[in-house]
Amino acid sequence: MNYLWEFTSIQYLDQWSDTIVELIPDNLLEFKTYEEDAFERLSKDKFLYLYKLYQNIDKSIGILVRAIYELGISHAYTVIEGYGESPFLSFSIEENRGWGNKFDGTSLSKIL
């Protein structure tokens, strides 16, 4: 699920959201074959891999992936005013109209 981490480094959020929406377990599992949908970002190989993987995952994983997606798009076309909470003091609200500058978020992962 490295795609989820691209949120911190992608140039355009709509590209990120278009990719992630296809990876959400409930969305992907609506289709039994790759050909049933017109996937724009997801290759057939990735579909088959994720379809098999998602067959036996805990529902909480799907909820978490959807929550990350929802958080990512919740303020997609707004400017954020003010300052973030204290854990984010190193990231200025003044950067990139409140969205901050891109960075490699994978360095923050405890599982990657």
PDB file of N, CA and C in Angstrom:
ATOM      1  N   MET A   1       0.815  -1.206   0.000  1.00  0.00           N
ATOM      2  CA  MET A   1       0.000   0.000   0.000  1.00  0.00           C
ATOM      3  C   MET A   1       0.856   1.267   0.000  1.00  0.00           C
ATOM      4  N   ASN A   2       1.951   1.221  -0.701  1.00  0.00           N
ATOM      5  CA  ASN A   2       2.778   2.425  -0.832  1.00  0.00           C
ATOM      6  C   ASN A   2       2.007   3.578  -1.448  1.00  0.00           C
ATOM      7  N   TYR A   3       0.960   3.261  -2.218  1.00  0.00           N
ATOM      8  CA  TYR A   3       0.159   4.312  -2.840  1.00  0.00           C
ATOM      9  C   TYR A   3      -0.403   5.279  -1.797  1.00  0.00           C
ATOM     10  N   LEU A   4      -0.766   4.774  -0.650  1.00  0.00           N
ATOM     11  CA  LEU A   4      -1.327   5.637   0.392  1.00  0.00           C
ATOM     12  C   LEU A   4      -0.327   6.696   0.833  1.00  0.00           C
ATOM     13  N   TRP A   5       0.962   6.346   0.840  1.00  0.00           N
ATOM     14  CA  TRP A   5       2.002   7.283   1.262  1.00  0.00           C
ATOM     15  C   TRP A   5       2.260   8.376   0.241  1.00  0.00           C
ATOM     16  N   GLU A   6       1.841   8.176  -0.998  1.00  0.00           N
ATOM     17  CA  GLU A   6       2.068   9.185  -2.028  1.00  0.00           C
ATOM     18  C   GLU A   6       1.343  10.496  -1.736  1.00  0.00           C
ATOM     19  N   PHE A   7       0.412  10.466  -0.808  1.00  0.00           N
ATOM     20  CA  PHE A   7      -0.311  11.682  -0.431  1.00  0.00           C
ATOM     21  C   PHE A   7       0.645  12.812  -0.052  1.00  0.00           C
ATOM     22  N   THR A   8       1.750  12.469   0.569  1.00  0.00           N
ATOM     23  CA  THR A   8       2.686  13.498   1.040  1.00  0.00           C
ATOM     24  C   THR A   8       3.650  13.969  -0.037  1.00  0.00           C
ATOM     25  N   SER A   9       3.698  13.274  -1.178  1.00  0.00           N
ATOM     26  CA  SER A   9       4.702  13.628  -2.178  1.00  0.00           C
ATOM     27  C   SER A   9       4.152  13.877  -3.583  1.00  0.00           C
ATOM     28  N   ILE A  10       2.870  13.682  -3.775  1.00  0.00           N
ATOM     29  CA  ILE A  10       2.299  13.831  -5.117  1.00  0.00           C
ATOM     30  C   ILE A  10       2.049  15.301  -5.436  1.00  0.00           C
ATOM     31  N   GLN A  11       2.192  15.643  -6.701  1.00  0.00           N
ATOM     32  CA  GLN A  11       1.996  17.032  -7.126  1.00  0.00           C
ATOM     33  C   GLN A  11       0.522  17.437  -7.085  1.00  0.00           C
ATOM     34  N   TYR A  12      -0.362  16.572  -7.595  1.00  0.00           N
ATOM     35  CA  TYR A  12      -1.785  16.899  -7.671  1.00  0.00           C
ATOM     36  C   TYR A  12      -2.609  15.870  -6.907  1.00  0.00           C
ATOM     37  N   LEU A  13      -3.388  16.346  -5.951  1.00  0.00           N
ATOM     38  CA  LEU A  13      -4.166  15.470  -5.083  1.00  0.00           C
ATOM     39  C   LEU A  13      -5.195  14.655  -5.852  1.00  0.00           C
ATOM     40  N   ASP A  14      -5.745  15.198  -6.924  1.00  0.00           N
ATOM     41  CA  ASP A  14      -6.753  14.441  -7.662  1.00  0.00           C
ATOM     42  C   ASP A  14      -6.172  13.188  -8.294  1.00  0.00           C
ATOM     43  N   GLN A  15      -4.891  13.211  -8.673  1.00  0.00           N
ATOM     44  CA  GLN A  15      -4.245  12.000  -9.185  1.00  0.00           C
ATOM     45  C   GLN A  15      -4.170  10.943  -8.090  1.00  0.00           C
ATOM     46  N   TRP A  16      -3.829  11.375  -6.891  1.00  0.00           N
ATOM     47  CA  TRP A  16      -3.742  10.467  -5.753  1.00  0.00           C
ATOM     48  C   TRP A  16      -5.109   9.861  -5.449  1.00  0.00           C
ATOM     49  N   SER A  17      -6.124  10.698  -5.372  1.00  0.00           N
ATOM     50  CA  SER A  17      -7.449  10.203  -5.005  1.00  0.00           C
ATOM     51  C   SER A  17      -8.020   9.269  -6.074  1.00  0.00           C
ATOM     52  N   ASP A  18      -7.733   9.553  -7.353  1.00  0.00           N
ATOM     53  CA  ASP A  18      -8.198   8.666  -8.425  1.00  0.00           C
ATOM     54  C   ASP A  18      -7.579   7.282  -8.308  1.00  0.00           C
ATOM     55  N   THR A  19      -6.335   7.217  -7.869  1.00  0.00           N
ATOM     56  CA  THR A  19      -5.665   5.930  -7.682  1.00  0.00           C
ATOM     57  C   THR A  19      -6.202   5.213  -6.452  1.00  0.00           C
ATOM     58  N   ILE A  20      -6.265   5.916  -5.333  1.00  0.00           N
ATOM     59  CA  ILE A  20      -6.655   5.290  -4.063  1.00  0.00           C
ATOM     60  C   ILE A  20      -8.086   4.775  -4.090  1.00  0.00           C
ATOM     61  N   VAL A  21      -8.983   5.504  -4.732  1.00  0.00           N
ATOM     62  CA  VAL A  21     -10.378   5.060  -4.747  1.00  0.00           C
ATOM     63  C   VAL A  21     -10.508   3.678  -5.394  1.00  0.00           C
ATOM     64  N   GLU A  22      -9.623   3.346  -6.322  1.00  0.00           N
ATOM     65  CA  GLU A  22      -9.648   2.023  -6.945  1.00  0.00           C
ATOM     66  C   GLU A  22      -9.058   0.936  -6.048  1.00  0.00           C
ATOM     67  N   LEU A  23      -8.288   1.336  -5.039  1.00  0.00           N
ATOM     68  CA  LEU A  23      -7.618   0.371  -4.155  1.00  0.00           C
ATOM     69  C   LEU A  23      -8.399   0.065  -2.882  1.00  0.00           C
ATOM     70  N   ILE A  24      -9.411   0.839  -2.570  1.00  0.00           N
ATOM     71  CA  ILE A  24     -10.195   0.614  -1.353  1.00  0.00           C
ATOM     72  C   ILE A  24     -10.831  -0.775  -1.446  1.00  0.00           C
ATOM     73  N   PRO A  25     -10.598  -1.609  -0.443  1.00  0.00           N
ATOM     74  CA  PRO A  25     -11.076  -2.995  -0.525  1.00  0.00           C
ATOM     75  C   PRO A  25     -12.549  -3.146  -0.920  1.00  0.00           C
ATOM     76  N   ASP A  26     -13.450  -2.404  -0.292  1.00  0.00           N
ATOM     77  CA  ASP A  26     -14.871  -2.536  -0.639  1.00  0.00           C
ATOM     78  C   ASP A  26     -15.134  -2.171  -2.092  1.00  0.00           C
ATOM     79  N   ASN A  27     -14.425  -1.179  -2.605  1.00  0.00           N
ATOM     80  CA  ASN A  27     -14.605  -0.771  -4.000  1.00  0.00           C
ATOM     81  C   ASN A  27     -14.070  -1.837  -4.952  1.00  0.00           C
ATOM     82  N   LEU A  28     -12.868  -2.306  -4.699  1.00  0.00           N
ATOM     83  CA  LEU A  28     -12.235  -3.288  -5.575  1.00  0.00           C
ATOM     84  C   LEU A  28     -12.997  -4.610  -5.581  1.00  0.00           C
ATOM     85  N   LEU A  29     -13.483  -5.032  -4.409  1.00  0.00           N
ATOM     86  CA  LEU A  29     -14.155  -6.325  -4.302  1.00  0.00           C
ATOM     87  C   LEU A  29     -15.562  -6.334  -4.890  1.00  0.00           C
ATOM     88  N   GLU A  30     -16.038  -5.176  -5.369  1.00  0.00           N
ATOM     89  CA  GLU A  30     -17.318  -5.149  -6.072  1.00  0.00           C
ATOM     90  C   GLU A  30     -17.238  -5.930  -7.379  1.00  0.00           C
ATOM     91  N   PHE A  31     -16.027  -6.103  -7.883  1.00  0.00           N
ATOM     92  CA  PHE A  31     -15.824  -6.733  -9.182  1.00  0.00           C
ATOM     93  C   PHE A  31     -15.077  -8.052  -9.015  1.00  0.00           C
ATOM     94  N   LYS A  32     -15.549  -9.073  -9.704  1.00  0.00           N
ATOM     95  CA  LYS A  32     -14.909 -10.378  -9.623  1.00  0.00           C
ATOM     96  C   LYS A  32     -13.796 -10.526 -10.655  1.00  0.00           C
ATOM     97  N   THR A  33     -13.855  -9.723 -11.723  1.00  0.00           N
ATOM     98  CA  THR A  33     -12.811  -9.745 -12.744  1.00  0.00           C
ATOM     99  C   THR A  33     -12.393  -8.320 -13.063  1.00  0.00           C
ATOM    100  N   TYR A  34     -11.204  -8.176 -13.560  1.00  0.00           N
ATOM    101  CA  TYR A  34     -10.651  -6.873 -13.941  1.00  0.00           C
ATOM    102  C   TYR A  34     -11.479  -6.231 -15.047  1.00  0.00           C
ATOM    103  N   GLU A  35     -11.996  -7.037 -15.926  1.00  0.00           N
ATOM    104  CA  GLU A  35     -12.731  -6.531 -17.080  1.00  0.00           C
ATOM    105  C   GLU A  35     -14.106  -5.971 -16.728  1.00  0.00           C
ATOM    106  N   GLU A  36     -14.603  -6.235 -15.530  1.00  0.00           N
ATOM    107  CA  GLU A  36     -15.926  -5.742 -15.133  1.00  0.00           C
ATOM    108  C   GLU A  36     -15.972  -4.237 -14.914  1.00  0.00           C
ATOM    109  N   ASP A  37     -14.826  -3.605 -14.758  1.00  0.00           N
ATOM    110  CA  ASP A  37     -14.789  -2.163 -14.533  1.00  0.00           C
ATOM    111  C   ASP A  37     -13.742  -1.547 -15.453  1.00  0.00           C
ATOM    112  N   ALA A  38     -13.872  -0.266 -15.662  1.00  0.00           N
ATOM    113  CA  ALA A  38     -12.887   0.463 -16.477  1.00  0.00           C
ATOM    114  C   ALA A  38     -11.875   1.113 -15.535  1.00  0.00           C
ATOM    115  N   PHE A  39     -11.018   0.303 -14.925  1.00  0.00           N
ATOM    116  CA  PHE A  39     -10.004   0.822 -14.024  1.00  0.00           C
ATOM    117  C   PHE A  39      -9.083   1.759 -14.793  1.00  0.00           C
ATOM    118  N   GLU A  40      -8.878   2.948 -14.255  1.00  0.00           N
ATOM    119  CA  GLU A  40      -8.034   3.939 -14.925  1.00  0.00           C
ATOM    120  C   GLU A  40      -6.589   3.870 -14.475  1.00  0.00           C
ATOM    121  N   ARG A  41      -6.353   3.547 -13.234  1.00  0.00           N
ATOM    122  CA  ARG A  41      -4.999   3.570 -12.678  1.00  0.00           C
ATOM    123  C   ARG A  41      -4.467   2.183 -12.336  1.00  0.00           C
ATOM    124  N   LEU A  42      -5.344   1.270 -12.050  1.00  0.00           N
ATOM    125  CA  LEU A  42      -4.970  -0.047 -11.549  1.00  0.00           C
ATOM    126  C   LEU A  42      -4.740  -1.020 -12.710  1.00  0.00           C
ATOM    127  N   SER A  43      -3.549  -1.613 -12.746  1.00  0.00           N
ATOM    128  CA  SER A  43      -3.251  -2.604 -13.783  1.00  0.00           C
ATOM    129  C   SER A  43      -3.949  -3.922 -13.443  1.00  0.00           C
ATOM    130  N   LYS A  44      -4.055  -4.776 -14.440  1.00  0.00           N
ATOM    131  CA  LYS A  44      -4.685  -6.078 -14.219  1.00  0.00           C
ATOM    132  C   LYS A  44      -3.897  -6.891 -13.196  1.00  0.00           C
ATOM    133  N   ASP A  45      -2.570  -6.860 -13.276  1.00  0.00           N
ATOM    134  CA  ASP A  45      -1.744  -7.599 -12.315  1.00  0.00           C
ATOM    135  C   ASP A  45      -1.975  -7.116 -10.891  1.00  0.00           C
ATOM    136  N   LYS A  46      -2.035  -5.794 -10.703  1.00  0.00           N
ATOM    137  CA  LYS A  46      -2.282  -5.244  -9.351  1.00  0.00           C
ATOM    138  C   LYS A  46      -3.679  -5.622  -8.874  1.00  0.00           C
ATOM    139  N   PHE A  47      -4.660  -5.561  -9.790  1.00  0.00           N
ATOM    140  CA  PHE A  47      -6.020  -5.949  -9.428  1.00  0.00           C
ATOM    141  C   PHE A  47      -6.047  -7.380  -8.916  1.00  0.00           C
ATOM    142  N   LEU A  48      -5.460  -8.294  -9.682  1.00  0.00           N
ATOM    143  CA  LEU A  48      -5.459  -9.709  -9.299  1.00  0.00           C
ATOM    144  C   LEU A  48      -4.759  -9.930  -7.966  1.00  0.00           C
ATOM    145  N   TYR A  49      -3.631  -9.236  -7.772  1.00  0.00           N
ATOM    146  CA  TYR A  49      -2.892  -9.352  -6.514  1.00  0.00           C
ATOM    147  C   TYR A  49      -3.746  -8.861  -5.337  1.00  0.00           C
ATOM    148  N   LEU A  50      -4.325  -7.669  -5.484  1.00  0.00           N
ATOM    149  CA  LEU A  50      -5.119  -7.095  -4.400  1.00  0.00           C
ATOM    150  C   LEU A  50      -6.406  -7.879  -4.170  1.00  0.00           C
ATOM    151  N   TYR A  51      -7.034  -8.336  -5.235  1.00  0.00           N
ATOM    152  CA  TYR A  51      -8.259  -9.123  -5.093  1.00  0.00           C
ATOM    153  C   TYR A  51      -8.002 -10.362  -4.243  1.00  0.00           C
ATOM    154  N   LYS A  52      -6.928 -11.044  -4.527  1.00  0.00           N
ATOM    155  CA  LYS A  52      -6.561 -12.233  -3.742  1.00  0.00           C
ATOM    156  C   LYS A  52      -6.208 -11.847  -2.305  1.00  0.00           C
ATOM    157  N   LEU A  53      -5.426 -10.795  -2.150  1.00  0.00           N
ATOM    158  CA  LEU A  53      -5.026 -10.329  -0.817  1.00  0.00           C
ATOM    159  C   LEU A  53      -6.231  -9.942   0.031  1.00  0.00           C
ATOM    160  N   TYR A  54      -7.178  -9.235  -0.573  1.00  0.00           N
ATOM    161  CA  TYR A  54      -8.334  -8.725   0.163  1.00  0.00           C
ATOM    162  C   TYR A  54      -9.330  -9.805   0.569  1.00  0.00           C
ATOM    163  N   GLN A  55      -9.237 -10.985   0.022  1.00  0.00           N
ATOM    164  CA  GLN A  55     -10.188 -12.044   0.337  1.00  0.00           C
ATOM    165  C   GLN A  55     -10.193 -12.404   1.820  1.00  0.00           C
ATOM    166  N   ASN A  56      -9.037 -12.298   2.469  1.00  0.00           N
ATOM    167  CA  ASN A  56      -8.945 -12.754   3.858  1.00  0.00           C
ATOM    168  C   ASN A  56      -8.476 -11.685   4.833  1.00  0.00           C
ATOM    169  N   ILE A  57      -8.645 -10.417   4.482  1.00  0.00           N
ATOM    170  CA  ILE A  57      -8.200  -9.379   5.414  1.00  0.00           C
ATOM    171  C   ILE A  57      -9.303  -9.054   6.413  1.00  0.00           C
ATOM    172  N   ASP A  58      -8.883  -8.555   7.534  1.00  0.00           N
ATOM    173  CA  ASP A  58      -9.812  -8.099   8.552  1.00  0.00           C
ATOM    174  C   ASP A  58     -10.536  -6.847   8.054  1.00  0.00           C
ATOM    175  N   LYS A  59     -11.801  -6.706   8.379  1.00  0.00           N
ATOM    176  CA  LYS A  59     -12.579  -5.549   7.936  1.00  0.00           C
ATOM    177  C   LYS A  59     -11.959  -4.224   8.372  1.00  0.00           C
ATOM    178  N   SER A  60     -11.216  -4.237   9.475  1.00  0.00           N
ATOM    179  CA  SER A  60     -10.611  -3.002   9.973  1.00  0.00           C
ATOM    180  C   SER A  60      -9.588  -2.428   8.982  1.00  0.00           C
ATOM    181  N   ILE A  61      -8.963  -3.287   8.191  1.00  0.00           N
ATOM    182  CA  ILE A  61      -8.006  -2.821   7.179  1.00  0.00           C
ATOM    183  C   ILE A  61      -8.739  -1.995   6.119  1.00  0.00           C
ATOM    184  N   GLY A  62      -9.867  -2.494   5.658  1.00  0.00           N
ATOM    185  CA  GLY A  62     -10.676  -1.764   4.691  1.00  0.00           C
ATOM    186  C   GLY A  62     -11.167  -0.444   5.240  1.00  0.00           C
ATOM    187  N   ILE A  63     -11.562  -0.452   6.492  1.00  0.00           N
ATOM    188  CA  ILE A  63     -12.021   0.783   7.144  1.00  0.00           C
ATOM    189  C   ILE A  63     -10.884   1.790   7.227  1.00  0.00           C
ATOM    190  N   LEU A  64      -9.697   1.305   7.558  1.00  0.00           N
ATOM    191  CA  LEU A  64      -8.533   2.181   7.658  1.00  0.00           C
ATOM    192  C   LEU A  64      -8.161   2.779   6.302  1.00  0.00           C
ATOM    193  N   VAL A  65      -8.138   1.960   5.262  1.00  0.00           N
ATOM    194  CA  VAL A  65      -7.800   2.464   3.924  1.00  0.00           C
ATOM    195  C   VAL A  65      -8.816   3.508   3.482  1.00  0.00           C
ATOM    196  N   ARG A  66     -10.099   3.237   3.708  1.00  0.00           N
ATOM    197  CA  ARG A  66     -11.125   4.215   3.342  1.00  0.00           C
ATOM    198  C   ARG A  66     -10.982   5.501   4.158  1.00  0.00           C
ATOM    199  N   ALA A  67     -10.650   5.376   5.428  1.00  0.00           N
ATOM    200  CA  ALA A  67     -10.478   6.563   6.277  1.00  0.00           C
ATOM    201  C   ALA A  67      -9.312   7.427   5.792  1.00  0.00           C
ATOM    202  N   ILE A  68      -8.233   6.791   5.367  1.00  0.00           N
ATOM    203  CA  ILE A  68      -7.094   7.543   4.825  1.00  0.00           C
ATOM    204  C   ILE A  68      -7.521   8.275   3.564  1.00  0.00           C
ATOM    205  N   TYR A  69      -8.264   7.610   2.714  1.00  0.00           N
ATOM    206  CA  TYR A  69      -8.768   8.235   1.493  1.00  0.00           C
ATOM    207  C   TYR A  69      -9.673   9.421   1.825  1.00  0.00           C
ATOM    208  N   GLU A  70     -10.609   9.212   2.731  1.00  0.00           N
ATOM    209  CA  GLU A  70     -11.543  10.274   3.119  1.00  0.00           C
ATOM    210  C   GLU A  70     -10.809  11.466   3.727  1.00  0.00           C
ATOM    211  N   LEU A  71      -9.818  11.195   4.552  1.00  0.00           N
ATOM    212  CA  LEU A  71      -9.017  12.271   5.132  1.00  0.00           C
ATOM    213  C   LEU A  71      -8.284  13.032   4.041  1.00  0.00           C
ATOM    214  N   GLY A  72      -7.723  12.292   3.093  1.00  0.00           N
ATOM    215  CA  GLY A  72      -6.971  12.915   2.015  1.00  0.00           C
ATOM    216  C   GLY A  72      -7.800  13.844   1.158  1.00  0.00           C
ATOM    217  N   ILE A  73      -9.055  13.487   0.915  1.00  0.00           N
ATOM    218  CA  ILE A  73      -9.876  14.323   0.045  1.00  0.00           C
ATOM    219  C   ILE A  73     -10.763  15.301   0.805  1.00  0.00           C
ATOM    220  N   SER A  74     -10.756  15.227   2.125  1.00  0.00           N
ATOM    221  CA  SER A  74     -11.687  16.040   2.920  1.00  0.00           C
ATOM    222  C   SER A  74     -11.521  17.541   2.723  1.00  0.00           C
ATOM    223  N   HIS A  75     -10.325  17.978   2.464  1.00  0.00           N
ATOM    224  CA  HIS A  75     -10.079  19.404   2.241  1.00  0.00           C
ATOM    225  C   HIS A  75      -9.337  19.621   0.923  1.00  0.00           C
ATOM    226  N   ALA A  76      -9.666  18.813  -0.068  1.00  0.00           N
ATOM    227  CA  ALA A  76      -8.900  18.783  -1.308  1.00  0.00           C
ATOM    228  C   ALA A  76      -8.800  20.129  -2.012  1.00  0.00           C
ATOM    229  N   TYR A  77      -9.821  20.911  -1.999  1.00  0.00           N
ATOM    230  CA  TYR A  77      -9.807  22.153  -2.766  1.00  0.00           C
ATOM    231  C   TYR A  77     -10.017  23.365  -1.872  1.00  0.00           C
ATOM    232  N   THR A  78      -9.392  23.321  -0.708  1.00  0.00           N
ATOM    233  CA  THR A  78      -9.493  24.436   0.225  1.00  0.00           C
ATOM    234  C   THR A  78      -8.103  24.917   0.600  1.00  0.00           C
ATOM    235  N   VAL A  79      -8.059  26.080   1.209  1.00  0.00           N
ATOM    236  CA  VAL A  79      -6.827  26.608   1.784  1.00  0.00           C
ATOM    237  C   VAL A  79      -6.972  26.498   3.288  1.00  0.00           C
ATOM    238  N   ILE A  80      -5.958  25.988   3.965  1.00  0.00           N
ATOM    239  CA  ILE A  80      -6.020  25.772   5.406  1.00  0.00           C
ATOM    240  C   ILE A  80      -5.467  27.002   6.111  1.00  0.00           C
ATOM    241  N   GLU A  81      -6.229  27.547   7.014  1.00  0.00           N
ATOM    242  CA  GLU A  81      -5.822  28.728   7.770  1.00  0.00           C
ATOM    243  C   GLU A  81      -5.288  28.312   9.136  1.00  0.00           C
ATOM    244  N   GLY A  82      -4.369  29.075   9.697  1.00  0.00           N
ATOM    245  CA  GLY A  82      -3.875  28.826  11.043  1.00  0.00           C
ATOM    246  C   GLY A  82      -2.723  27.865  11.084  1.00  0.00           C
ATOM    247  N   TYR A  83      -2.531  27.214  12.215  1.00  0.00           N
ATOM    248  CA  TYR A  83      -1.401  26.310  12.417  1.00  0.00           C
ATOM    249  C   TYR A  83      -1.878  24.942  12.867  1.00  0.00           C
ATOM    250  N   GLY A  84      -1.056  23.930  12.580  1.00  0.00           N
ATOM    251  CA  GLY A  84      -1.369  22.560  12.968  1.00  0.00           C
ATOM    252  C   GLY A  84      -1.073  22.320  14.435  1.00  0.00           C
ATOM    253  N   GLU A  85      -1.367  21.116  14.872  1.00  0.00           N
ATOM    254  CA  GLU A  85      -1.096  20.724  16.249  1.00  0.00           C
ATOM    255  C   GLU A  85       0.410  20.625  16.489  1.00  0.00           C
ATOM    256  N   SER A  86       0.818  20.573  17.735  1.00  0.00           N
ATOM    257  CA  SER A  86       2.235  20.598  18.085  1.00  0.00           C
ATOM    258  C   SER A  86       3.099  19.514  17.419  1.00  0.00           C
ATOM    259  N   PRO A  87       2.595  18.288  17.125  1.00  0.00           N
ATOM    260  CA  PRO A  87       3.477  17.320  16.446  1.00  0.00           C
ATOM    261  C   PRO A  87       3.924  17.767  15.054  1.00  0.00           C
ATOM    262  N   PHE A  88       3.237  18.749  14.509  1.00  0.00           N
ATOM    263  CA  PHE A  88       3.518  19.183  13.143  1.00  0.00           C
ATOM    264  C   PHE A  88       4.132  20.573  13.088  1.00  0.00           C
ATOM    265  N   LEU A  89       4.720  21.022  14.158  1.00  0.00           N
ATOM    266  CA  LEU A  89       5.302  22.358  14.188  1.00  0.00           C
ATOM    267  C   LEU A  89       6.442  22.536  13.191  1.00  0.00           C
ATOM    268  N   SER A  90       7.090  21.448  12.804  1.00  0.00           N
ATOM    269  CA  SER A  90       8.192  21.573  11.846  1.00  0.00           C
ATOM    270  C   SER A  90       7.692  21.817  10.424  1.00  0.00           C
ATOM    271  N   PHE A  91       6.383  21.695  10.206  1.00  0.00           N
ATOM    272  CA  PHE A  91       5.798  21.927   8.889  1.00  0.00           C
ATOM    273  C   PHE A  91       4.975  23.211   8.948  1.00  0.00           C
ATOM    274  N   SER A  92       5.392  24.202   8.164  1.00  0.00           N
ATOM    275  CA  SER A  92       4.746  25.510   8.210  1.00  0.00           C
ATOM    276  C   SER A  92       3.426  25.528   7.449  1.00  0.00           C
ATOM    277  N   ILE A  93       2.437  26.168   8.011  1.00  0.00           N
ATOM    278  CA  ILE A  93       1.144  26.353   7.378  1.00  0.00           C
ATOM    279  C   ILE A  93       1.251  27.326   6.203  1.00  0.00           C
ATOM    280  N   GLU A  94       2.344  28.052   6.158  1.00  0.00           N
ATOM    281  CA  GLU A  94       2.546  29.035   5.091  1.00  0.00           C
ATOM    282  C   GLU A  94       2.985  28.389   3.773  1.00  0.00           C
ATOM    283  N   GLU A  95       3.401  27.143   3.811  1.00  0.00           N
ATOM    284  CA  GLU A  95       3.907  26.468   2.617  1.00  0.00           C
ATOM    285  C   GLU A  95       2.765  25.968   1.744  1.00  0.00           C
ATOM    286  N   ASN A  96       2.830  26.264   0.456  1.00  0.00           N
ATOM    287  CA  ASN A  96       1.914  25.710  -0.541  1.00  0.00           C
ATOM    288  C   ASN A  96       0.444  25.943  -0.181  1.00  0.00           C
ATOM    289  N   ARG A  97       0.088  27.176   0.125  1.00  0.00           N
ATOM    290  CA  ARG A  97      -1.291  27.582   0.433  1.00  0.00           C
ATOM    291  C   ARG A  97      -1.918  26.750   1.549  1.00  0.00           C
ATOM    292  N   GLY A  98      -1.134  26.362   2.533  1.00  0.00           N
ATOM    293  CA  GLY A  98      -1.651  25.626   3.681  1.00  0.00           C
ATOM    294  C   GLY A  98      -1.502  24.119   3.588  1.00  0.00           C
ATOM    295  N   TRP A  99      -1.132  23.612   2.436  1.00  0.00           N
ATOM    296  CA  TRP A  99      -0.984  22.173   2.267  1.00  0.00           C
ATOM    297  C   TRP A  99       0.405  21.685   2.598  1.00  0.00           C
ATOM    298  N   GLY A 100       1.356  22.586   2.699  1.00  0.00           N
ATOM    299  CA  GLY A 100       2.731  22.192   3.004  1.00  0.00           C
ATOM    300  C   GLY A 100       3.453  21.710   1.765  1.00  0.00           C
ATOM    301  N   ASN A 101       4.764  21.673   1.861  1.00  0.00           N
ATOM    302  CA  ASN A 101       5.577  21.202   0.748  1.00  0.00           C
ATOM    303  C   ASN A 101       5.579  19.688   0.709  1.00  0.00           C
ATOM    304  N   LYS A 102       5.807  19.124  -0.468  1.00  0.00           N
ATOM    305  CA  LYS A 102       5.857  17.672  -0.628  1.00  0.00           C
ATOM    306  C   LYS A 102       7.048  17.110   0.153  1.00  0.00           C
ATOM    307  N   PHE A 103       6.911  15.896   0.664  1.00  0.00           N
ATOM    308  CA  PHE A 103       8.012  15.182   1.311  1.00  0.00           C
ATOM    309  C   PHE A 103       7.743  13.695   1.231  1.00  0.00           C
ATOM    310  N   ASP A 104       8.762  12.913   1.426  1.00  0.00           N
ATOM    311  CA  ASP A 104       8.629  11.463   1.377  1.00  0.00           C
ATOM    312  C   ASP A 104       8.086  10.972   2.711  1.00  0.00           C
ATOM    313  N   GLY A 105       6.792  10.704   2.750  1.00  0.00           N
ATOM    314  CA  GLY A 105       6.131  10.286   3.978  1.00  0.00           C
ATOM    315  C   GLY A 105       6.480   8.880   4.413  1.00  0.00           C
ATOM    316  N   THR A 106       7.060   8.078   3.520  1.00  0.00           N
ATOM    317  CA  THR A 106       7.382   6.695   3.891  1.00  0.00           C
ATOM    318  C   THR A 106       8.392   6.640   5.029  1.00  0.00           C
ATOM    319  N   SER A 107       9.150   7.717   5.200  1.00  0.00           N
ATOM    320  CA  SER A 107      10.132   7.739   6.300  1.00  0.00           C
ATOM    321  C   SER A 107       9.434   7.744   7.659  1.00  0.00           C
ATOM    322  N   LEU A 108       8.152   8.079   7.682  1.00  0.00           N
ATOM    323  CA  LEU A 108       7.391   8.105   8.936  1.00  0.00           C
ATOM    324  C   LEU A 108       6.731   6.763   9.260  1.00  0.00           C
ATOM    325  N   SER A 109       6.755   5.843   8.305  1.00  0.00           N
ATOM    326  CA  SER A 109       6.091   4.564   8.496  1.00  0.00           C
ATOM    327  C   SER A 109       6.869   3.663   9.455  1.00  0.00           C
ATOM    328  N   LYS A 110       6.124   2.954  10.276  1.00  0.00           N
ATOM    329  CA  LYS A 110       6.748   1.999  11.187  1.00  0.00           C
ATOM    330  C   LYS A 110       6.723   0.595  10.606  1.00  0.00           C
ATOM    331  N   ILE A 111       6.054   0.416   9.452  1.00  0.00           N
ATOM    332  CA  ILE A 111       5.958  -0.931   8.878  1.00  0.00           C
ATOM    333  C   ILE A 111       6.601  -1.050   7.508  1.00  0.00           C
ATOM    334  N   LEU A 112       6.927   0.053   6.857  1.00  0.00           N
ATOM    335  CA  LEU A 112       7.566  -0.044   5.533  1.00  0.00           C
ATOM    336  C   LEU A 112       9.055  -0.223   5.674  1.00  0.00           C
TER     337      LEU A 112
END
